[in-house]
Amino acid sequence: MEEKEFNLRGVAVDVATYEWEEDDIVNKTPVVINKISKRSGGFTVYMKAPTEQLEWYFSKGLTNILVMEGKKAPYIRIEHEDGTYWVDLPYNNEILEFLKEFKEDELTNL
């Protein structure tokens, strides 16, 4: 298992249903991404939220890693394929390089 430590602020979001509306957002929490570890077939994002430690699991082929255009600057979205949870974090080449094997060909949503 390969892992890399980070200290990046982001936002973790999970929603109630696959076909969600803005009011279906269950949790939108500021987080600090501490570490990302790769495992066979996927990776885990370790985050510290204000009240708890979070570990979110992502699988190869079921994860979208997108570069999104923000109001001030681009950012990275690591999203479960069904859109029920995702993490937004500042654009960071180190993370994109570390997770390159999990990215699909089309990764930019600018």
PDB file of N, CA and C in Angstrom:
ATOM      1  N   MET A   1       0.846  -1.171   0.000  1.00  0.00           N
ATOM      2  CA  MET A   1       0.000   0.000   0.000  1.00  0.00           C
ATOM      3  C   MET A   1       0.895   1.238   0.000  1.00  0.00           C
ATOM      4  N   GLU A   2       0.645   2.108  -0.940  1.00  0.00           N
ATOM      5  CA  GLU A   2       1.388   3.361  -1.036  1.00  0.00           C
ATOM      6  C   GLU A   2       0.524   4.469  -0.447  1.00  0.00           C
ATOM      7  N   GLU A   3       1.159   5.359   0.323  1.00  0.00           N
ATOM      8  CA  GLU A   3       0.404   6.472   0.884  1.00  0.00           C
ATOM      9  C   GLU A   3       1.224   7.748   0.863  1.00  0.00           C
ATOM     10  N   LYS A   4       0.522   8.859   0.913  1.00  0.00           N
ATOM     11  CA  LYS A   4       1.159  10.157   0.871  1.00  0.00           C
ATOM     12  C   LYS A   4       0.411  11.069   1.835  1.00  0.00           C
ATOM     13  N   GLU A   5       1.164  11.835   2.608  1.00  0.00           N
ATOM     14  CA  GLU A   5       0.553  12.762   3.557  1.00  0.00           C
ATOM     15  C   GLU A   5       0.378  14.129   2.922  1.00  0.00           C
ATOM     16  N   PHE A   6      -0.713  14.780   3.300  1.00  0.00           N
ATOM     17  CA  PHE A   6      -1.047  16.111   2.810  1.00  0.00           C
ATOM     18  C   PHE A   6      -1.541  16.945   3.984  1.00  0.00           C
ATOM     19  N   ASN A   7      -1.669  18.208   3.755  1.00  0.00           N
ATOM     20  CA  ASN A   7      -2.289  19.117   4.721  1.00  0.00           C
ATOM     21  C   ASN A   7      -3.063  20.152   3.906  1.00  0.00           C
ATOM     22  N   LEU A   8      -4.169  19.707   3.318  1.00  0.00           N
ATOM     23  CA  LEU A   8      -4.965  20.555   2.436  1.00  0.00           C
ATOM     24  C   LEU A   8      -6.364  20.747   2.987  1.00  0.00           C
ATOM     25  N   ARG A   9      -6.826  21.963   2.960  1.00  0.00           N
ATOM     26  CA  ARG A   9      -8.205  22.242   3.369  1.00  0.00           C
ATOM     27  C   ARG A   9      -9.133  21.974   2.195  1.00  0.00           C
ATOM     28  N   GLY A  10     -10.279  21.406   2.501  1.00  0.00           N
ATOM     29  CA  GLY A  10     -11.254  21.113   1.478  1.00  0.00           C
ATOM     30  C   GLY A  10     -12.649  21.086   2.059  1.00  0.00           C
ATOM     31  N   VAL A  11     -13.588  20.588   1.268  1.00  0.00           N
ATOM     32  CA  VAL A  11     -14.972  20.443   1.704  1.00  0.00           C
ATOM     33  C   VAL A  11     -15.436  19.045   1.309  1.00  0.00           C
ATOM     34  N   ALA A  12     -15.968  18.320   2.278  1.00  0.00           N
ATOM     35  CA  ALA A  12     -16.519  16.985   2.032  1.00  0.00           C
ATOM     36  C   ALA A  12     -18.045  17.106   2.011  1.00  0.00           C
ATOM     37  N   VAL A  13     -18.672  16.494   1.006  1.00  0.00           N
ATOM     38  CA  VAL A  13     -20.125  16.602   0.837  1.00  0.00           C
ATOM     39  C   VAL A  13     -20.697  15.207   0.632  1.00  0.00           C
ATOM     40  N   ASP A  14     -21.774  14.908   1.341  1.00  0.00           N
ATOM     41  CA  ASP A  14     -22.534  13.707   1.006  1.00  0.00           C
ATOM     42  C   ASP A  14     -24.002  14.086   0.903  1.00  0.00           C
ATOM     43  N   VAL A  15     -24.710  13.336   0.075  1.00  0.00           N
ATOM     44  CA  VAL A  15     -26.101  13.664  -0.239  1.00  0.00           C
ATOM     45  C   VAL A  15     -26.996  12.475   0.059  1.00  0.00           C
ATOM     46  N   ALA A  16     -28.298  12.717   0.065  1.00  0.00           N
ATOM     47  CA  ALA A  16     -29.253  11.696   0.488  1.00  0.00           C
ATOM     48  C   ALA A  16     -29.558  10.665  -0.592  1.00  0.00           C
ATOM     49  N   THR A  17     -29.614  11.069  -1.852  1.00  0.00           N
ATOM     50  CA  THR A  17     -30.044  10.152  -2.899  1.00  0.00           C
ATOM     51  C   THR A  17     -29.231  10.353  -4.165  1.00  0.00           C
ATOM     52  N   TYR A  18     -29.325   9.409  -5.072  1.00  0.00           N
ATOM     53  CA  TYR A  18     -28.625   9.499  -6.353  1.00  0.00           C
ATOM     54  C   TYR A  18     -29.133  10.687  -7.166  1.00  0.00           C
ATOM     55  N   GLU A  19     -30.439  10.864  -7.232  1.00  0.00           N
ATOM     56  CA  GLU A  19     -31.023  11.990  -7.969  1.00  0.00           C
ATOM     57  C   GLU A  19     -31.310  13.108  -6.975  1.00  0.00           C
ATOM     58  N   TRP A  20     -30.240  13.739  -6.529  1.00  0.00           N
ATOM     59  CA  TRP A  20     -30.365  14.692  -5.434  1.00  0.00           C
ATOM     60  C   TRP A  20     -30.649  16.099  -5.926  1.00  0.00           C
ATOM     61  N   GLU A  21     -31.238  16.851  -5.039  1.00  0.00           N
ATOM     62  CA  GLU A  21     -31.491  18.280  -5.223  1.00  0.00           C
ATOM     63  C   GLU A  21     -30.644  19.009  -4.178  1.00  0.00           C
ATOM     64  N   GLU A  22     -30.525  20.301  -4.316  1.00  0.00           N
ATOM     65  CA  GLU A  22     -29.698  21.075  -3.374  1.00  0.00           C
ATOM     66  C   GLU A  22     -30.103  20.836  -1.923  1.00  0.00           C
ATOM     67  N   ASP A  23     -31.406  20.644  -1.646  1.00  0.00           N
ATOM     68  CA  ASP A  23     -31.848  20.431  -0.266  1.00  0.00           C
ATOM     69  C   ASP A  23     -31.614  19.004   0.220  1.00  0.00           C
ATOM     70  N   ASP A  24     -31.117  18.125  -0.644  1.00  0.00           N
ATOM     71  CA  ASP A  24     -30.802  16.751  -0.228  1.00  0.00           C
ATOM     72  C   ASP A  24     -29.406  16.621   0.366  1.00  0.00           C
ATOM     73  N   ILE A  25     -28.633  17.696   0.345  1.00  0.00           N
ATOM     74  CA  ILE A  25     -27.281  17.610   0.909  1.00  0.00           C
ATOM     75  C   ILE A  25     -27.400  17.324   2.399  1.00  0.00           C
ATOM     76  N   VAL A  26     -26.813  16.206   2.822  1.00  0.00           N
ATOM     77  CA  VAL A  26     -26.887  15.779   4.207  1.00  0.00           C
ATOM     78  C   VAL A  26     -25.794  16.457   5.023  1.00  0.00           C
ATOM     79  N   ASN A  27     -24.630  16.554   4.446  1.00  0.00           N
ATOM     80  CA  ASN A  27     -23.497  17.036   5.201  1.00  0.00           C
ATOM     81  C   ASN A  27     -22.539  17.746   4.254  1.00  0.00           C
ATOM     82  N   LYS A  28     -22.209  18.969   4.567  1.00  0.00           N
ATOM     83  CA  LYS A  28     -21.214  19.731   3.823  1.00  0.00           C
ATOM     84  C   LYS A  28     -20.270  20.275   4.874  1.00  0.00           C
ATOM     85  N   THR A  29     -19.099  19.660   4.981  1.00  0.00           N
ATOM     86  CA  THR A  29     -18.218  19.891   6.104  1.00  0.00           C
ATOM     87  C   THR A  29     -16.840  20.350   5.658  1.00  0.00           C
ATOM     88  N   PRO A  30     -16.315  21.389   6.286  1.00  0.00           N
ATOM     89  CA  PRO A  30     -14.918  21.721   6.008  1.00  0.00           C
ATOM     90  C   PRO A  30     -14.020  20.624   6.579  1.00  0.00           C
ATOM     91  N   VAL A  31     -13.023  20.235   5.820  1.00  0.00           N
ATOM     92  CA  VAL A  31     -12.117  19.166   6.244  1.00  0.00           C
ATOM     93  C   VAL A  31     -10.674  19.557   5.959  1.00  0.00           C
ATOM     94  N   VAL A  32      -9.774  18.851   6.599  1.00  0.00           N
ATOM     95  CA  VAL A  32      -8.354  18.902   6.261  1.00  0.00           C
ATOM     96  C   VAL A  32      -7.990  17.505   5.782  1.00  0.00           C
ATOM     97  N   ILE A  33      -7.526  17.408   4.540  1.00  0.00           N
ATOM     98  CA  ILE A  33      -7.112  16.114   3.994  1.00  0.00           C
ATOM     99  C   ILE A  33      -5.723  15.832   4.545  1.00  0.00           C
ATOM    100  N   ASN A  34      -5.609  14.782   5.363  1.00  0.00           N
ATOM    101  CA  ASN A  34      -4.351  14.428   6.020  1.00  0.00           C
ATOM    102  C   ASN A  34      -3.499  13.479   5.194  1.00  0.00           C
ATOM    103  N   LYS A  35      -4.184  12.532   4.529  1.00  0.00           N
ATOM    104  CA  LYS A  35      -3.442  11.458   3.868  1.00  0.00           C
ATOM    105  C   LYS A  35      -4.322  10.816   2.819  1.00  0.00           C
ATOM    106  N   ILE A  36      -3.672  10.311   1.777  1.00  0.00           N
ATOM    107  CA  ILE A  36      -4.342   9.479   0.783  1.00  0.00           C
ATOM    108  C   ILE A  36      -3.521   8.212   0.654  1.00  0.00           C
ATOM    109  N   SER A  37      -4.178   7.071   0.765  1.00  0.00           N
ATOM    110  CA  SER A  37      -3.463   5.804   0.615  1.00  0.00           C
ATOM    111  C   SER A  37      -4.092   5.014  -0.528  1.00  0.00           C
ATOM    112  N   LYS A  38      -3.221   4.426  -1.334  1.00  0.00           N
ATOM    113  CA  LYS A  38      -3.677   3.576  -2.436  1.00  0.00           C
ATOM    114  C   LYS A  38      -3.719   2.137  -1.952  1.00  0.00           C
ATOM    115  N   ARG A  39      -4.674   1.407  -2.468  1.00  0.00           N
ATOM    116  CA  ARG A  39      -4.771  -0.024  -2.199  1.00  0.00           C
ATOM    117  C   ARG A  39      -5.120  -0.697  -3.514  1.00  0.00           C
ATOM    118  N   SER A  40      -5.101  -1.978  -3.539  1.00  0.00           N
ATOM    119  CA  SER A  40      -5.448  -2.699  -4.755  1.00  0.00           C
ATOM    120  C   SER A  40      -6.870  -2.341  -5.155  1.00  0.00           C
ATOM    121  N   GLY A  41      -7.030  -1.726  -6.315  1.00  0.00           N
ATOM    122  CA  GLY A  41      -8.353  -1.403  -6.825  1.00  0.00           C
ATOM    123  C   GLY A  41      -8.963  -0.109  -6.341  1.00  0.00           C
ATOM    124  N   GLY A  42      -8.228   0.696  -5.574  1.00  0.00           N
ATOM    125  CA  GLY A  42      -8.817   1.951  -5.117  1.00  0.00           C
ATOM    126  C   GLY A  42      -7.893   2.737  -4.204  1.00  0.00           C
ATOM    127  N   PHE A  43      -8.480   3.713  -3.541  1.00  0.00           N
ATOM    128  CA  PHE A  43      -7.714   4.536  -2.613  1.00  0.00           C
ATOM    129  C   PHE A  43      -8.633   5.061  -1.517  1.00  0.00           C
ATOM    130  N   THR A  44      -8.033   5.522  -0.425  1.00  0.00           N
ATOM    131  CA  THR A  44      -8.763   6.055   0.713  1.00  0.00           C
ATOM    132  C   THR A  44      -8.281   7.472   0.980  1.00  0.00           C
ATOM    133  N   VAL A  45      -9.231   8.378   1.213  1.00  0.00           N
ATOM    134  CA  VAL A  45      -8.915   9.753   1.588  1.00  0.00           C
ATOM    135  C   VAL A  45      -9.194   9.880   3.079  1.00  0.00           C
ATOM    136  N   TYR A  46      -8.167  10.260   3.844  1.00  0.00           N
ATOM    137  CA  TYR A  46      -8.279  10.452   5.286  1.00  0.00           C
ATOM    138  C   TYR A  46      -8.409  11.944   5.564  1.00  0.00           C
ATOM    139  N   MET A  47      -9.471  12.309   6.297  1.00  0.00           N
ATOM    140  CA  MET A  47      -9.771  13.715   6.526  1.00  0.00           C
ATOM    141  C   MET A  47     -10.108  13.960   7.989  1.00  0.00           C
ATOM    142  N   LYS A  48      -9.799  15.163   8.434  1.00  0.00           N
ATOM    143  CA  LYS A  48     -10.193  15.585   9.771  1.00  0.00           C
ATOM    144  C   LYS A  48     -11.279  16.634   9.609  1.00  0.00           C
ATOM    145  N   ALA A  49     -12.464  16.321  10.103  1.00  0.00           N
ATOM    146  CA  ALA A  49     -13.584  17.259  10.123  1.00  0.00           C
ATOM    147  C   ALA A  49     -13.602  17.920  11.501  1.00  0.00           C
ATOM    148  N   PRO A  50     -14.400  18.958  11.693  1.00  0.00           N
ATOM    149  CA  PRO A  50     -14.417  19.631  13.006  1.00  0.00           C
ATOM    150  C   PRO A  50     -14.745  18.710  14.180  1.00  0.00           C
ATOM    151  N   THR A  51     -15.557  17.677  13.966  1.00  0.00           N
ATOM    152  CA  THR A  51     -15.964  16.832  15.094  1.00  0.00           C
ATOM    153  C   THR A  51     -15.518  15.378  14.993  1.00  0.00           C
ATOM    154  N   GLU A  52     -14.893  14.986  13.880  1.00  0.00           N
ATOM    155  CA  GLU A  52     -14.525  13.578  13.730  1.00  0.00           C
ATOM    156  C   GLU A  52     -13.464  13.380  12.657  1.00  0.00           C
ATOM    157  N   GLN A  53     -12.882  12.184  12.658  1.00  0.00           N
ATOM    158  CA  GLN A  53     -11.972  11.753  11.602  1.00  0.00           C
ATOM    159  C   GLN A  53     -12.799  11.001  10.566  1.00  0.00           C
ATOM    160  N   LEU A  54     -12.549  11.261   9.300  1.00  0.00           N
ATOM    161  CA  LEU A  54     -13.289  10.587   8.237  1.00  0.00           C
ATOM    162  C   LEU A  54     -12.335   9.785   7.362  1.00  0.00           C
ATOM    163  N   GLU A  55     -12.796   8.648   6.893  1.00  0.00           N
ATOM    164  CA  GLU A  55     -12.090   7.842   5.898  1.00  0.00           C
ATOM    165  C   GLU A  55     -13.093   7.527   4.807  1.00  0.00           C
ATOM    166  N   TRP A  56     -12.861   8.094   3.625  1.00  0.00           N
ATOM    167  CA  TRP A  56     -13.757   7.822   2.500  1.00  0.00           C
ATOM    168  C   TRP A  56     -13.024   6.965   1.489  1.00  0.00           C
ATOM    169  N   TYR A  57     -13.705   5.916   1.021  1.00  0.00           N
ATOM    170  CA  TYR A  57     -13.118   4.930   0.131  1.00  0.00           C
ATOM    171  C   TYR A  57     -13.598   5.174  -1.300  1.00  0.00           C
ATOM    172  N   PHE A  58     -12.665   5.099  -2.219  1.00  0.00           N
ATOM    173  CA  PHE A  58     -12.967   5.271  -3.632  1.00  0.00           C
ATOM    174  C   PHE A  58     -12.378   4.089  -4.385  1.00  0.00           C
ATOM    175  N   SER A  59     -13.089   3.616  -5.407  1.00  0.00           N
ATOM    176  CA  SER A  59     -12.656   2.449  -6.175  1.00  0.00           C
ATOM    177  C   SER A  59     -12.358   2.834  -7.612  1.00  0.00           C
ATOM    178  N   LYS A  60     -11.373   2.162  -8.176  1.00  0.00           N
ATOM    179  CA  LYS A  60     -11.037   2.381  -9.583  1.00  0.00           C
ATOM    180  C   LYS A  60     -12.240   2.021 -10.441  1.00  0.00           C
ATOM    181  N   GLY A  61     -12.563   2.878 -11.390  1.00  0.00           N
ATOM    182  CA  GLY A  61     -13.707   2.653 -12.252  1.00  0.00           C
ATOM    183  C   GLY A  61     -15.014   3.177 -11.688  1.00  0.00           C
ATOM    184  N   LEU A  62     -15.053   3.491 -10.405  1.00  0.00           N
ATOM    185  CA  LEU A  62     -16.261   4.034  -9.780  1.00  0.00           C
ATOM    186  C   LEU A  62     -16.008   5.417  -9.197  1.00  0.00           C
ATOM    187  N   THR A  63     -14.944   6.066  -9.654  1.00  0.00           N
ATOM    188  CA  THR A  63     -14.533   7.360  -9.108  1.00  0.00           C
ATOM    189  C   THR A  63     -14.276   8.333 -10.244  1.00  0.00           C
ATOM    190  N   ASN A  64     -14.739   9.554 -10.068  1.00  0.00           N
ATOM    191  CA  ASN A  64     -14.432  10.630 -10.995  1.00  0.00           C
ATOM    192  C   ASN A  64     -13.473  11.594 -10.306  1.00  0.00           C
ATOM    193  N   ILE A  65     -12.367  11.885 -10.963  1.00  0.00           N
ATOM    194  CA  ILE A  65     -11.435  12.887 -10.474  1.00  0.00           C
ATOM    195  C   ILE A  65     -11.435  13.990 -11.522  1.00  0.00           C
ATOM    196  N   LEU A  66     -11.998  15.129 -11.144  1.00  0.00           N
ATOM    197  CA  LEU A  66     -12.231  16.209 -12.093  1.00  0.00           C
ATOM    198  C   LEU A  66     -11.491  17.472 -11.678  1.00  0.00           C
ATOM    199  N   VAL A  67     -11.072  18.239 -12.656  1.00  0.00           N
ATOM    200  CA  VAL A  67     -10.583  19.586 -12.407  1.00  0.00           C
ATOM    201  C   VAL A  67     -11.738  20.507 -12.762  1.00  0.00           C
ATOM    202  N   MET A  68     -12.224  21.237 -11.763  1.00  0.00           N
ATOM    203  CA  MET A  68     -13.400  22.089 -11.928  1.00  0.00           C
ATOM    204  C   MET A  68     -12.967  23.555 -11.931  1.00  0.00           C
ATOM    205  N   GLU A  69     -13.735  24.387 -12.609  1.00  0.00           N
ATOM    206  CA  GLU A  69     -13.456  25.820 -12.630  1.00  0.00           C
ATOM    207  C   GLU A  69     -14.229  26.484 -11.503  1.00  0.00           C
ATOM    208  N   GLY A  70     -13.495  27.041 -10.539  1.00  0.00           N
ATOM    209  CA  GLY A  70     -14.127  27.735  -9.424  1.00  0.00           C
ATOM    210  C   GLY A  70     -14.262  29.221  -9.717  1.00  0.00           C
ATOM    211  N   LYS A  71     -14.889  29.959  -8.801  1.00  0.00           N
ATOM    212  CA  LYS A  71     -15.061  31.398  -8.973  1.00  0.00           C
ATOM    213  C   LYS A  71     -13.722  32.124  -8.994  1.00  0.00           C
ATOM    214  N   LYS A  72     -12.790  31.659  -8.162  1.00  0.00           N
ATOM    215  CA  LYS A  72     -11.480  32.317  -8.074  1.00  0.00           C
ATOM    216  C   LYS A  72     -10.357  31.513  -8.712  1.00  0.00           C
ATOM    217  N   ALA A  73     -10.447  30.206  -8.642  1.00  0.00           N
ATOM    218  CA  ALA A  73      -9.366  29.354  -9.154  1.00  0.00           C
ATOM    219  C   ALA A  73      -9.904  27.952  -9.398  1.00  0.00           C
ATOM    220  N   PRO A  74      -9.211  27.164 -10.225  1.00  0.00           N
ATOM    221  CA  PRO A  74      -9.637  25.770 -10.420  1.00  0.00           C
ATOM    222  C   PRO A  74      -9.475  24.966  -9.123  1.00  0.00           C
ATOM    223  N   TYR A  75     -10.253  23.899  -9.016  1.00  0.00           N
ATOM    224  CA  TYR A  75     -10.136  23.009  -7.863  1.00  0.00           C
ATOM    225  C   TYR A  75     -10.337  21.579  -8.333  1.00  0.00           C
ATOM    226  N   ILE A  76      -9.984  20.643  -7.458  1.00  0.00           N
ATOM    227  CA  ILE A  76     -10.119  19.215  -7.754  1.00  0.00           C
ATOM    228  C   ILE A  76     -11.356  18.686  -7.040  1.00  0.00           C
ATOM    229  N   ARG A  77     -12.133  17.888  -7.756  1.00  0.00           N
ATOM    230  CA  ARG A  77     -13.252  17.176  -7.142  1.00  0.00           C
ATOM    231  C   ARG A  77     -12.979  15.682  -7.283  1.00  0.00           C
ATOM    232  N   ILE A  78     -12.948  14.989  -6.149  1.00  0.00           N
ATOM    233  CA  ILE A  78     -12.845  13.533  -6.115  1.00  0.00           C
ATOM    234  C   ILE A  78     -14.236  13.046  -5.723  1.00  0.00           C
ATOM    235  N   GLU A  79     -14.898  12.354  -6.658  1.00  0.00           N
ATOM    236  CA  GLU A  79     -16.318  12.079  -6.504  1.00  0.00           C
ATOM    237  C   GLU A  79     -16.615  10.607  -6.744  1.00  0.00           C
ATOM    238  N   HIS A  80     -17.448  10.025  -5.883  1.00  0.00           N
ATOM    239  CA  HIS A  80     -17.954   8.688  -6.156  1.00  0.00           C
ATOM    240  C   HIS A  80     -18.792   8.774  -7.419  1.00  0.00           C
ATOM    241  N   GLU A  81     -18.690   7.775  -8.271  1.00  0.00           N
ATOM    242  CA  GLU A  81     -19.329   7.803  -9.583  1.00  0.00           C
ATOM    243  C   GLU A  81     -20.822   8.120  -9.536  1.00  0.00           C
ATOM    244  N   ASP A  82     -21.520   7.655  -8.510  1.00  0.00           N
ATOM    245  CA  ASP A  82     -22.963   7.912  -8.457  1.00  0.00           C
ATOM    246  C   ASP A  82     -23.293   9.297  -7.900  1.00  0.00           C
ATOM    247  N   GLY A  83     -22.283  10.072  -7.542  1.00  0.00           N
ATOM    248  CA  GLY A  83     -22.490  11.440  -7.097  1.00  0.00           C
ATOM    249  C   GLY A  83     -23.050  11.595  -5.703  1.00  0.00           C
ATOM    250  N   THR A  84     -23.027  10.541  -4.888  1.00  0.00           N
ATOM    251  CA  THR A  84     -23.589  10.654  -3.543  1.00  0.00           C
ATOM    252  C   THR A  84     -22.601  11.201  -2.522  1.00  0.00           C
ATOM    253  N   TYR A  85     -21.312  11.237  -2.840  1.00  0.00           N
ATOM    254  CA  TYR A  85     -20.350  11.914  -1.976  1.00  0.00           C
ATOM    255  C   TYR A  85     -19.140  12.345  -2.786  1.00  0.00           C
ATOM    256  N   TRP A  86     -18.549  13.449  -2.341  1.00  0.00           N
ATOM    257  CA  TRP A  86     -17.370  13.972  -3.020  1.00  0.00           C
ATOM    258  C   TRP A  86     -16.573  14.857  -2.080  1.00  0.00           C
ATOM    259  N   VAL A  87     -15.328  15.108  -2.464  1.00  0.00           N
ATOM    260  CA  VAL A  87     -14.430  16.002  -1.744  1.00  0.00           C
ATOM    261  C   VAL A  87     -13.920  17.032  -2.744  1.00  0.00           C
ATOM    262  N   ASP A  88     -14.046  18.301  -2.398  1.00  0.00           N
ATOM    263  CA  ASP A  88     -13.482  19.386  -3.197  1.00  0.00           C
ATOM    264  C   ASP A  88     -12.259  19.918  -2.475  1.00  0.00           C
ATOM    265  N   LEU A  89     -11.170  20.091  -3.209  1.00  0.00           N
ATOM    266  CA  LEU A  89      -9.950  20.610  -2.609  1.00  0.00           C
ATOM    267  C   LEU A  89      -9.220  21.505  -3.596  1.00  0.00           C
ATOM    268  N   PRO A  90      -8.337  22.363  -3.107  1.00  0.00           N
ATOM    269  CA  PRO A  90      -7.615  23.256  -4.008  1.00  0.00           C
ATOM    270  C   PRO A  90      -6.838  22.463  -5.054  1.00  0.00           C
ATOM    271  N   TYR A  91      -6.697  23.056  -6.226  1.00  0.00           N
ATOM    272  CA  TYR A  91      -5.932  22.418  -7.295  1.00  0.00           C
ATOM    273  C   TYR A  91      -4.533  22.096  -6.778  1.00  0.00           C
ATOM    274  N   ASN A  92      -4.088  20.854  -7.011  1.00  0.00           N
ATOM    275  CA  ASN A  92      -2.806  20.414  -6.489  1.00  0.00           C
ATOM    276  C   ASN A  92      -2.243  19.350  -7.428  1.00  0.00           C
ATOM    277  N   ASN A  93      -1.142  19.683  -8.110  1.00  0.00           N
ATOM    278  CA  ASN A  93      -0.521  18.734  -9.045  1.00  0.00           C
ATOM    279  C   ASN A  93      -0.050  17.463  -8.352  1.00  0.00           C
ATOM    280  N   GLU A  94       0.393  17.576  -7.106  1.00  0.00           N
ATOM    281  CA  GLU A  94       0.896  16.419  -6.374  1.00  0.00           C
ATOM    282  C   GLU A  94      -0.206  15.364  -6.194  1.00  0.00           C
ATOM    283  N   ILE A  95      -1.417  15.801  -5.876  1.00  0.00           N
ATOM    284  CA  ILE A  95      -2.535  14.857  -5.733  1.00  0.00           C
ATOM    285  C   ILE A  95      -2.906  14.259  -7.084  1.00  0.00           C
ATOM    286  N   LEU A  96      -2.974  15.096  -8.117  1.00  0.00           N
ATOM    287  CA  LEU A  96      -3.310  14.577  -9.445  1.00  0.00           C
ATOM    288  C   LEU A  96      -2.291  13.542  -9.912  1.00  0.00           C
ATOM    289  N   GLU A  97      -1.037  13.787  -9.659  1.00  0.00           N
ATOM    290  CA  GLU A  97       0.011  12.839 -10.046  1.00  0.00           C
ATOM    291  C   GLU A  97      -0.096  11.556  -9.222  1.00  0.00           C
ATOM    292  N   PHE A  98      -0.329  11.691  -7.915  1.00  0.00           N
ATOM    293  CA  PHE A  98      -0.436  10.533  -7.038  1.00  0.00           C
ATOM    294  C   PHE A  98      -1.614   9.638  -7.424  1.00  0.00           C
ATOM    295  N   LEU A  99      -2.706  10.242  -7.884  1.00  0.00           N
ATOM    296  CA  LEU A  99      -3.920   9.482  -8.211  1.00  0.00           C
ATOM    297  C   LEU A  99      -4.102   9.249  -9.707  1.00  0.00           C
ATOM    298  N   LYS A 100      -3.060   9.459 -10.500  1.00  0.00           N
ATOM    299  CA  LYS A 100      -3.200   9.393 -11.960  1.00  0.00           C
ATOM    300  C   LYS A 100      -3.744   8.061 -12.464  1.00  0.00           C
ATOM    301  N   GLU A 101      -3.449   6.956 -11.787  1.00  0.00           N
ATOM    302  CA  GLU A 101      -3.936   5.654 -12.254  1.00  0.00           C
ATOM    303  C   GLU A 101      -5.450   5.496 -12.062  1.00  0.00           C
ATOM    304  N   PHE A 102      -6.068   6.384 -11.287  1.00  0.00           N
ATOM    305  CA  PHE A 102      -7.507   6.299 -11.033  1.00  0.00           C
ATOM    306  C   PHE A 102      -8.303   7.278 -11.882  1.00  0.00           C
ATOM    307  N   LYS A 103      -7.633   8.116 -12.638  1.00  0.00           N
ATOM    308  CA  LYS A 103      -8.303   9.114 -13.462  1.00  0.00           C
ATOM    309  C   LYS A 103      -8.697   8.516 -14.804  1.00  0.00           C
ATOM    310  N   GLU A 104      -9.825   8.939 -15.299  1.00  0.00           N
ATOM    311  CA  GLU A 104     -10.268   8.559 -16.631  1.00  0.00           C
ATOM    312  C   GLU A 104      -9.610   9.516 -17.615  1.00  0.00           C
ATOM    313  N   ASP A 105      -9.741   9.227 -18.912  1.00  0.00           N
ATOM    314  CA  ASP A 105      -9.131  10.091 -19.927  1.00  0.00           C
ATOM    315  C   ASP A 105      -9.616  11.519 -19.842  1.00  0.00           C
ATOM    316  N   GLU A 106     -10.902  11.712 -19.664  1.00  0.00           N
ATOM    317  CA  GLU A 106     -11.473  13.060 -19.619  1.00  0.00           C
ATOM    318  C   GLU A 106     -11.542  13.530 -18.185  1.00  0.00           C
ATOM    319  N   LEU A 107     -10.588  14.364 -17.750  1.00  0.00           N
ATOM    320  CA  LEU A 107     -10.621  14.795 -16.375  1.00  0.00           C
ATOM    321  C   LEU A 107     -10.841  16.260 -16.166  1.00  0.00           C
ATOM    322  N   THR A 108     -10.972  17.014 -17.192  1.00  0.00           N
ATOM    323  CA  THR A 108     -11.134  18.439 -16.994  1.00  0.00           C
ATOM    324  C   THR A 108     -12.580  18.829 -17.246  1.00  0.00           C
ATOM    325  N   ASN A 109     -13.131  19.593 -16.328  1.00  0.00           N
ATOM    326  CA  ASN A 109     -14.483  20.080 -16.466  1.00  0.00           C
ATOM    327  C   ASN A 109     -14.453  21.604 -16.353  1.00  0.00           C
ATOM    328  N   LEU A 110     -13.624  22.232 -17.201  1.00  0.00           N
ATOM    329  CA  LEU A 110     -13.448  23.698 -17.136  1.00  0.00           C
ATOM    330  C   LEU A 110     -14.375  24.379 -18.102  1.00  0.00           C
TER     331      LEU A 110
END
